[in-house]
Amino acid sequence: MLLPFPQDLPFEGVALIIDKLRGKDVPLKTAVNAAWNLAGYAAAQTLPDQKVIGDKDISKDEALLVLQEVITKSAISEEGKTIELGVIPWAMVLRICIKILIAAF
């Protein structure tokens, strides 16, 4: 059985990935779990609408900026649903998460 893509932005996961990228002591298993959840959410937002052109390598600083953008451009409604307050580059978020997942192994 396949689990469905997450329907709500995992804010805690984004914060954990940012902490890990900044060098804070976040266990690898926790960071991978956060990246896995964020990757699922980003995939649900991206596929099949957005495509990343080329094979641009994403630096750690660029990844931090993109992930911080996810936090600042998102909110939770009174009903508990994620609201986007601006354009978020979900395809880039997905690429960042995939890089984290690959690096863990």
Protein backbone atom coordinates (compact mmCIF):
# COMPACT_ATOMS: atom_id res chain seq x y z
CA MET A 1 0.00 0.00 0.00
CA LEU A 2 1.31 3.42 -0.93
CA LEU A 3 0.94 6.27 1.52
CA PRO A 4 -0.61 9.40 0.01
CA PHE A 5 1.40 12.57 -0.41
CA PRO A 6 1.20 14.83 2.65
CA GLN A 7 -1.63 17.33 2.27
CA ASP A 8 -0.27 19.90 4.73
CA LEU A 9 3.09 21.62 4.74
CA PRO A 10 5.34 20.00 7.37
CA PHE A 11 6.53 23.25 8.98
CA GLU A 12 8.45 21.37 11.67
CA GLY A 13 10.23 19.38 8.98
CA VAL A 14 11.31 22.52 7.12
CA ALA A 15 12.67 23.98 10.36
CA LEU A 16 14.58 20.76 11.12
CA ILE A 17 16.17 20.73 7.65
CA ILE A 18 17.18 24.39 8.03
CA ASP A 19 18.74 23.58 11.42
CA LYS A 20 20.62 20.60 9.94
CA LEU A 21 21.93 22.72 7.03
CA ARG A 22 23.10 25.37 9.51
CA GLY A 23 25.15 22.72 11.32
CA LYS A 24 22.93 22.24 14.35
CA ASP A 25 22.81 18.85 16.05
CA VAL A 26 19.83 17.23 14.34
CA PRO A 27 20.00 13.42 14.19
CA LEU A 28 20.42 12.13 10.64
CA LYS A 29 17.35 9.90 10.93
CA THR A 30 15.23 12.92 11.96
CA ALA A 31 16.61 15.06 9.11
CA VAL A 32 15.94 12.31 6.57
CA ASN A 33 12.39 11.86 7.88
CA ALA A 34 11.83 15.62 7.59
CA ALA A 35 13.22 15.66 4.04
CA TRP A 36 11.07 12.66 3.11
CA ASN A 37 7.90 14.39 4.32
CA LEU A 38 8.78 17.71 2.70
CA ALA A 39 9.71 15.91 -0.55
CA GLY A 40 6.27 14.27 -0.59
CA TYR A 41 4.53 17.59 -0.02
CA ALA A 42 6.69 19.35 -2.64
CA ALA A 43 6.02 16.55 -5.15
CA ALA A 44 2.27 16.94 -4.62
CA GLN A 45 2.61 20.68 -5.29
CA THR A 46 4.89 20.24 -8.32
CA LEU A 47 3.91 17.18 -10.33
CA PRO A 48 3.09 17.30 -13.19
CA ASP A 49 2.85 21.08 -13.53
CA GLN A 50 6.40 22.32 -12.91
CA LYS A 51 9.63 21.09 -14.42
CA VAL A 52 13.15 22.06 -13.46
CA ILE A 53 15.17 22.95 -16.55
CA GLY A 54 18.74 21.73 -16.69
CA ASP A 55 20.79 20.13 -13.95
CA LYS A 56 21.57 23.17 -11.80
CA ASP A 57 23.45 22.31 -8.65
CA ILE A 58 21.91 23.91 -5.57
CA SER A 59 24.35 25.32 -3.01
CA LYS A 60 23.72 25.09 0.72
CA ASP A 61 23.11 28.85 0.87
CA GLU A 62 20.57 28.64 -1.98
CA ALA A 63 18.85 25.72 -0.25
CA LEU A 64 18.59 27.72 2.98
CA LEU A 65 17.06 30.68 1.13
CA VAL A 66 14.51 28.50 -0.65
CA LEU A 67 13.52 26.65 2.53
CA GLN A 68 13.21 29.90 4.48
CA GLU A 69 10.96 31.15 1.67
CA VAL A 70 8.69 28.14 2.26
CA ILE A 71 8.26 29.22 5.89
CA THR A 72 7.72 32.92 5.19
CA LYS A 73 5.31 32.38 2.29
CA SER A 74 3.11 29.79 4.02
CA ALA A 75 0.52 29.88 6.78
CA ILE A 76 -2.10 27.63 8.33
CA SER A 77 -5.77 28.53 7.97
CA GLU A 78 -8.27 28.31 10.85
CA GLU A 79 -9.35 24.97 9.35
CA GLY A 80 -5.77 23.69 9.58
CA LYS A 81 -5.05 23.81 5.85
CA THR A 82 -1.85 25.19 4.32
CA ILE A 83 -2.19 28.56 2.59
CA GLU A 84 0.48 29.83 0.19
CA LEU A 85 1.09 33.56 0.59
CA GLY A 86 3.26 33.79 -2.50
CA VAL A 87 4.88 31.72 -5.22
CA ILE A 88 7.00 28.92 -3.80
CA PRO A 89 9.45 27.07 -6.08
CA TRP A 90 8.21 23.59 -5.17
CA ALA A 91 10.28 21.88 -7.86
CA MET A 92 13.42 23.35 -6.28
CA VAL A 93 12.24 22.29 -2.78
CA LEU A 94 11.77 18.76 -4.11
CA ARG A 95 15.29 18.75 -5.58
CA ILE A 96 16.74 19.93 -2.25
CA CYS A 97 14.93 17.14 -0.38
CA ILE A 98 16.07 14.51 -2.88
CA LYS A 99 19.69 15.70 -2.50
CA ILE A 100 19.37 15.36 1.29
CA LEU A 101 17.90 11.87 0.97
CA ILE A 102 20.65 10.74 -1.42
CA ALA A 103 23.39 12.25 0.75
CA ALA A 104 22.11 10.30 3.76
CA PHE A 105 22.94 7.01 2.08
